[in-house]
Protein backbone atom coordinates (compact mmCIF):
# COMPACT_ATOMS: atom_id res chain seq x y z
CA MET A 1 -0.29 0.26 0.33
CA THR A 2 3.05 2.15 0.73
CA ALA A 3 4.54 1.54 -2.61
CA HIS A 4 1.10 1.84 -4.34
CA ALA A 5 0.91 5.58 -2.58
CA GLN A 6 4.13 6.88 -3.65
CA THR A 7 3.49 5.55 -7.26
CA MET A 8 0.17 7.42 -7.30
CA SER A 9 1.75 10.53 -5.47
CA ALA A 10 4.91 10.77 -8.57
CA PRO A 11 2.71 12.30 -10.81
CA PRO A 12 1.42 15.62 -9.33
CA SER A 13 5.50 16.18 -8.27
CA THR A 14 6.31 16.49 -12.45
CA ALA A 15 3.72 18.46 -13.65
CA PRO A 16 5.23 21.87 -12.29
CA ASP A 17 8.63 20.81 -14.28
CA ALA A 18 6.62 19.57 -17.54
CA VAL A 19 4.68 23.33 -17.48
CA SER A 20 7.67 24.91 -16.48
CA ASP A 21 10.35 23.32 -19.31
CA ARG A 22 6.88 24.08 -21.74
CA LEU A 23 7.36 28.39 -20.71
CA ARG A 24 10.46 28.16 -21.00
CA LYS A 25 10.71 26.63 -24.38
CA ARG A 26 7.80 29.04 -25.25
CA ALA A 27 9.58 32.06 -24.36
CA SER A 28 13.23 31.02 -25.94
CA ARG A 29 11.08 30.75 -29.54
CA HIS A 30 9.19 33.98 -28.86
CA VAL A 31 12.50 35.65 -28.03
CA LYS A 32 13.91 33.76 -31.27
CA GLU A 33 11.18 34.56 -33.16
CA ARG A 34 11.61 38.49 -32.23
CA VAL A 35 15.41 38.54 -33.06
CA ILE A 36 14.68 37.33 -36.85
CA GLU A 37 11.90 39.79 -36.77
CA PHE A 38 14.44 42.72 -35.81
CA ILE A 39 16.67 40.92 -38.50
CA LEU A 40 14.88 41.31 -41.57
CA PHE A 41 12.94 44.87 -40.05
CA THR A 42 17.09 45.65 -40.19
CA ALA A 43 17.39 44.05 -43.89
CA ALA A 44 14.23 45.52 -44.91
CA SER A 45 15.08 49.16 -43.98
CA ILE A 46 18.04 49.37 -45.47
CA SER A 47 17.27 49.81 -49.16
CA VAL A 48 14.25 52.25 -47.50
CA LEU A 49 17.57 54.00 -45.83
CA THR A 50 19.42 53.99 -48.45
CA THR A 51 17.24 55.40 -50.66
CA ILE A 52 16.21 58.16 -48.49
CA ALA A 53 20.36 58.91 -48.18
CA ILE A 54 20.51 59.27 -51.95
CA VAL A 55 17.83 61.44 -52.46
CA TYR A 56 18.73 63.91 -49.41
CA ILE A 57 22.41 64.10 -50.58
CA LEU A 58 21.33 64.86 -54.74
CA VAL A 59 18.49 67.22 -53.18
CA SER A 60 20.87 69.07 -50.78
CA GLU A 61 23.60 69.13 -53.06
CA SER A 62 21.62 70.10 -56.16
CA LEU A 63 19.70 73.29 -54.44
CA THR A 64 23.72 74.35 -53.47
CA LEU A 65 23.88 74.70 -57.09
CA PHE A 66 20.94 76.46 -57.71
CA GLU A 67 22.24 78.99 -55.06
CA HIS A 68 24.58 80.39 -58.12
CA VAL A 69 22.61 79.04 -60.91
CA SER A 70 19.12 79.82 -61.86
CA LEU A 71 16.61 76.98 -62.30
CA TRP A 72 15.11 78.72 -64.96
CA ASP A 73 18.71 78.86 -67.18
CA PHE A 74 19.04 75.04 -65.77
CA LEU A 75 16.29 73.72 -67.83
CA THR A 76 16.07 76.50 -70.46
CA ASP A 77 19.64 77.38 -71.46
CA THR A 78 21.11 75.32 -74.70
CA GLN A 79 24.78 74.95 -73.74
CA TRP A 80 26.37 73.30 -71.33
CA THR A 81 30.20 74.33 -70.10
CA PRO A 82 30.61 74.03 -66.51
CA LEU A 83 34.00 73.53 -66.83
CA PHE A 84 35.07 76.44 -68.79
CA ASP A 85 35.36 79.83 -67.71
CA ASP A 86 32.25 81.04 -69.84
CA ALA A 87 30.07 78.62 -68.08
CA HIS A 88 26.63 77.53 -69.01
CA TYR A 89 24.53 74.88 -67.48
CA GLY A 90 21.44 73.87 -69.74
CA ILE A 91 20.62 70.24 -68.78
CA MET A 92 18.63 69.63 -71.69
CA VAL A 93 22.14 69.90 -74.13
CA LEU A 94 22.60 66.98 -71.66
CA LEU A 95 18.71 65.64 -72.10
CA SER A 96 18.69 66.02 -75.89
CA GLY A 97 22.08 63.18 -76.11
CA THR A 98 20.30 60.78 -73.12
CA LEU A 99 16.83 60.54 -74.92
CA THR A 100 18.17 60.15 -78.84
CA SER A 101 20.73 57.39 -77.01
CA SER A 102 17.82 55.83 -75.31
CA PHE A 103 15.40 56.23 -78.85
CA VAL A 104 17.71 54.24 -81.21
CA ALA A 105 18.55 51.55 -78.02
CA LEU A 106 14.57 51.09 -77.78
CA ALA A 107 14.49 51.22 -81.72
CA VAL A 108 16.41 47.87 -81.44
CA ALA A 109 15.41 46.46 -78.04
CA LEU A 110 11.76 46.72 -78.25
CA PRO A 111 10.49 45.10 -80.94
CA LEU A 112 13.23 42.72 -81.43
CA GLY A 113 13.07 41.62 -77.89
CA THR A 114 9.08 40.74 -78.31
CA ILE A 115 9.49 38.85 -81.32
CA ILE A 116 12.30 36.40 -79.25
CA ALA A 117 9.54 36.58 -76.53
CA ILE A 118 6.52 35.41 -78.79
CA TYR A 119 8.98 32.72 -80.25
CA LEU A 120 10.32 31.36 -77.04
CA SER A 121 6.97 30.73 -75.40
CA GLU A 122 4.73 30.00 -78.59
CA PHE A 123 7.37 28.32 -81.18
CA ALA A 124 10.00 27.01 -80.32
CA SER A 125 9.88 23.48 -78.91
CA PHE A 126 11.58 22.61 -74.76
CA ARG A 127 14.66 21.54 -75.98
CA THR A 128 15.01 25.28 -77.96
CA ARG A 129 13.96 27.45 -75.19
CA GLU A 130 16.17 25.59 -73.00
CA VAL A 131 19.41 26.19 -74.87
CA ALA A 132 17.94 29.47 -76.45
CA LYS A 133 17.03 31.31 -73.58
CA PRO A 134 20.45 30.78 -71.66
CA ILE A 135 22.37 31.65 -74.25
CA LEU A 136 20.11 35.14 -75.16
CA GLU A 137 20.34 36.07 -70.90
CA LEU A 138 24.21 35.52 -71.14
CA LEU A 139 24.03 38.88 -73.26
CA GLY A 140 22.95 40.53 -70.07
CA GLY A 141 26.42 39.20 -68.01
CA VAL A 142 28.97 41.26 -70.79
CA PRO A 143 30.16 44.12 -68.71
CA THR A 144 29.55 47.19 -70.62
CA ILE A 145 32.58 48.27 -70.92
CA ILE A 146 32.95 45.71 -73.65
CA TYR A 147 29.90 47.01 -75.35
CA GLY A 148 31.16 50.42 -75.51
CA TYR A 149 34.43 49.24 -77.56
CA PHE A 150 32.94 46.80 -79.39
CA ALA A 151 30.24 49.62 -80.56
CA LEU A 152 33.56 51.91 -81.47
CA MET A 153 35.74 49.28 -82.97
CA VAL A 154 33.23 47.08 -84.91
CA VAL A 155 29.89 48.90 -85.17
CA THR A 156 31.34 52.20 -85.41
CA PRO A 157 33.66 50.89 -89.39
CA ALA A 158 30.67 48.76 -90.43
CA LEU A 159 28.11 52.02 -90.47
CA GLN A 160 30.63 53.88 -91.77
CA HIS A 161 31.17 51.67 -94.77
CA LEU A 162 27.08 52.28 -95.11
CA PHE A 163 27.52 55.81 -94.55
CA PRO A 164 30.78 57.61 -95.20
CA GLU A 165 30.03 60.65 -93.59
CA LEU A 166 29.57 59.47 -89.72
CA PRO A 167 32.43 60.56 -87.66
CA GLY A 168 34.69 58.65 -85.41
CA PHE A 169 32.14 59.06 -81.93
CA SER A 170 28.01 58.42 -83.01
CA LEU A 171 24.79 58.65 -80.99
CA LEU A 172 23.79 56.26 -82.98
CA SER A 173 26.65 53.64 -82.72
CA ALA A 174 26.19 53.63 -79.20
CA GLY A 175 22.67 53.46 -79.49
CA LEU A 176 22.24 50.49 -81.37
CA VAL A 177 24.98 48.14 -79.23
CA MET A 178 23.03 49.55 -75.88
CA GLY A 179 19.51 47.91 -77.44
CA ILE A 180 21.50 44.92 -78.45
CA MET A 181 22.89 44.58 -74.78
CA ILE A 182 18.92 45.42 -73.58
CA ILE A 183 17.39 42.50 -75.76
CA PRO A 184 17.81 40.01 -72.90
CA TYR A 185 15.83 41.99 -70.17
CA VAL A 186 12.67 42.55 -72.48
CA SER A 187 12.77 39.12 -74.15
CA SER A 188 13.08 37.63 -70.55
CA LEU A 189 10.70 38.98 -68.93
CA SER A 190 8.37 39.35 -71.65
CA GLU A 191 8.70 35.60 -72.06
CA ASP A 192 8.16 34.85 -68.74
CA ALA A 193 4.63 36.94 -68.75
CA MET A 194 3.35 34.99 -71.96
CA ARG A 195 4.11 31.60 -70.28
CA ALA A 196 2.12 32.61 -67.22
CA VAL A 197 -1.25 33.07 -69.62
CA PRO A 198 -3.40 30.02 -68.63
CA MET A 199 -3.46 27.34 -71.77
CA SER A 200 -6.90 27.56 -71.52
CA LEU A 201 -6.88 30.81 -73.37
CA ARG A 202 -4.98 28.88 -75.90
CA GLU A 203 -6.52 25.90 -76.27
CA GLY A 204 -9.80 28.58 -76.77
CA SER A 205 -8.60 30.11 -79.38
CA TYR A 206 -7.44 27.11 -81.36
CA ALA A 207 -10.92 25.78 -80.84
CA MET A 208 -12.16 28.80 -82.70
CA GLY A 209 -10.11 28.07 -85.33
CA ALA A 210 -7.27 30.44 -84.91
CA THR A 211 -3.71 29.46 -86.34
CA ARG A 212 -0.99 29.90 -83.34
CA LEU A 213 0.12 33.04 -85.06
CA GLN A 214 -3.17 34.52 -84.48
CA THR A 215 -3.43 33.08 -80.97
CA ALA A 216 -0.26 34.10 -80.12
CA LEU A 217 -0.64 38.20 -81.43
CA ARG A 218 -4.21 37.88 -80.62
CA THR A 219 -4.78 36.49 -77.59
CA VAL A 220 -1.06 35.62 -75.99
CA VAL A 221 0.20 39.16 -76.11
CA PRO A 222 -2.79 40.82 -74.52
CA ALA A 223 -3.18 38.70 -72.27
CA ALA A 224 0.23 39.41 -71.26
CA THR A 225 -0.10 42.97 -71.60
CA SER A 226 1.06 44.18 -68.02
CA GLY A 227 4.42 42.14 -68.11
CA ILE A 228 5.50 43.57 -71.26
CA ALA A 229 5.15 46.69 -70.22
CA SER A 230 6.85 46.32 -67.20
CA ALA A 231 9.73 44.46 -69.85
CA TYR A 232 9.59 47.94 -71.32
CA ILE A 233 9.40 49.74 -68.43
CA LEU A 234 12.61 48.25 -67.23
CA GLY A 235 13.99 48.08 -70.84
CA ILE A 236 13.78 51.98 -70.95
CA SER A 237 15.40 52.87 -67.41
CA ARG A 238 18.03 50.57 -68.54
CA ALA A 239 18.36 52.89 -71.53
CA VAL A 240 18.51 55.94 -69.71
CA GLY A 241 20.95 54.85 -67.20
CA GLU A 242 23.66 53.27 -69.21
CA THR A 243 27.14 54.56 -68.66
CA MET A 244 30.11 53.12 -70.21
CA ILE A 245 28.90 52.34 -73.38
CA LEU A 246 27.62 56.18 -74.10
CA ALA A 247 30.85 57.40 -72.57
CA VAL A 248 33.48 55.01 -74.68
CA ALA A 249 31.44 55.17 -78.04
CA ALA A 250 29.39 58.22 -78.11
CA GLY A 251 31.76 61.01 -77.89
CA MET A 252 30.81 62.75 -74.45
CA GLN A 253 30.68 65.79 -76.66
CA PRO A 254 28.32 68.17 -75.09
CA ASN A 255 25.69 69.16 -78.18
CA LEU A 256 22.29 69.68 -78.35
CA THR A 257 20.88 67.49 -81.34
CA PHE A 258 18.54 64.85 -81.76
CA ASN A 259 20.46 63.53 -84.28
CA PRO A 260 21.62 60.17 -83.48
CA ALA A 261 24.39 60.68 -86.38
CA GLU A 262 26.60 63.30 -84.28
CA PRO A 263 28.42 62.98 -81.49
CA GLY A 264 26.43 64.01 -77.83
CA ALA A 265 27.06 63.42 -73.81
CA THR A 266 24.28 61.97 -71.96
CA ILE A 267 23.66 62.60 -68.34
CA THR A 268 25.72 59.38 -67.46
CA SER A 269 28.77 59.92 -69.49
CA TYR A 270 28.98 63.70 -67.96
CA ILE A 271 28.80 62.14 -64.25
CA VAL A 272 32.25 59.65 -65.14
CA GLN A 273 33.97 62.92 -66.79
CA VAL A 274 33.62 64.74 -64.19
CA ALA A 275 34.22 62.13 -61.37
CA LEU A 276 37.21 61.09 -63.18
CA GLY A 277 38.64 64.80 -63.20
CA ASP A 278 40.42 67.43 -61.18
CA LEU A 279 37.40 69.41 -59.89
CA PRO A 280 37.75 70.31 -56.61
CA HIS A 281 34.97 68.87 -54.13
CA GLY A 282 32.60 71.87 -53.18
CA SER A 283 32.96 73.94 -56.49
CA ILE A 284 30.48 74.73 -58.98
CA GLY A 285 31.56 72.51 -61.53
CA TYR A 286 31.83 69.99 -59.21
CA GLN A 287 28.06 70.06 -58.00
CA THR A 288 26.76 70.21 -61.20
CA ILE A 289 26.83 66.41 -61.45
CA PHE A 290 24.29 66.24 -58.65
CA ALA A 291 22.16 68.02 -60.20
CA ALA A 292 22.22 66.12 -62.89
CA GLY A 293 21.87 62.80 -60.97
CA LEU A 294 18.77 64.03 -59.55
CA THR A 295 17.60 65.11 -63.24
CA LEU A 296 18.31 61.40 -63.96
CA MET A 297 16.58 59.75 -60.99
CA LEU A 298 13.47 61.77 -61.51
CA MET A 299 13.14 60.31 -65.11
CA THR A 300 13.64 56.89 -63.99
CA LEU A 301 11.03 57.65 -61.54
CA GLY A 302 8.74 59.07 -63.96
CA PHE A 303 9.19 55.70 -65.71
CA ASN A 304 8.60 53.35 -63.05
CA LEU A 305 5.72 55.32 -61.91
CA LEU A 306 4.43 54.64 -65.72
CA GLY A 307 4.92 50.79 -65.06
CA TYR A 308 2.86 50.88 -61.97
CA TYR A 309 0.23 52.43 -63.85
CA LEU A 310 -0.02 49.90 -66.76
CA ARG A 311 0.67 47.02 -64.03
CA LYS A 312 -2.25 48.12 -62.40
CA ARG A 313 -4.70 49.10 -65.35
CA PHE A 314 -4.15 45.89 -67.49
CA ARG A 315 -2.92 43.25 -64.73
CA GLU A 316 -5.03 40.42 -65.33
CA VAL A 317 -5.42 37.90 -62.64
CA TYR A 318 -6.66 34.07 -63.65
């Protein structure tokens, strides 16, 4: 009876220990979750704080420039000579080179990238797609300085055979090679958007008697409009922000021109030119790179907002 009584009384004595262990484990798990949550929050905050810091630096340094240069002259002057004694600060000169080179690049990248995406998504076999797409994406991994010298040493002489009056540096040569570089961005994202279209839409189109080409152009492409628009916006942003190809092959001559057959300077190539020079920090000429960078950031922001609107306006949920 005594042994039986001891056996019956044992569980109540161990119950508090089990409850205490569970509470300790729960508290430890809560602490670990809090630590992980803090680490994730910190990692997410880094990008936000970095963006805020970049915007603050660009705006503050640009305001310092505008204390000496009027904003009206900055936007309307037709000359850009901040490094000369007779200084002019017309950002339109750099904008013309940026827009012209970007237009040439996009005239190459957008149609070719879209055609390649349609072929890979709707016409290529599985084996062809698995081989062609990685090879195509290798173009995006080539350093841009290599593209720049390719434009200068190969594309420009080839164009001079067709157009003997073409100078050794031109926005046309740089823009064409820049378009080749952007093709993988457009084609890859567009192809992913097209392949996300449900097969039922294709089957319905085939059931109505449409051919593969008609299905691709009239069913798949309209259904993937939001993804294709996002690919286009990325290509535009990539073209506007390109640096080394234009610095090597476009000539970096600040001319107010929209003729791609002439040399020109872009916002990014000017920033490279000044950043590698001997201008003292804090001088007016040095401050111009921040104003140019702020202009470029506002352009990119505008394209991103346009992309957001297009995704929201045309996005299809299947």
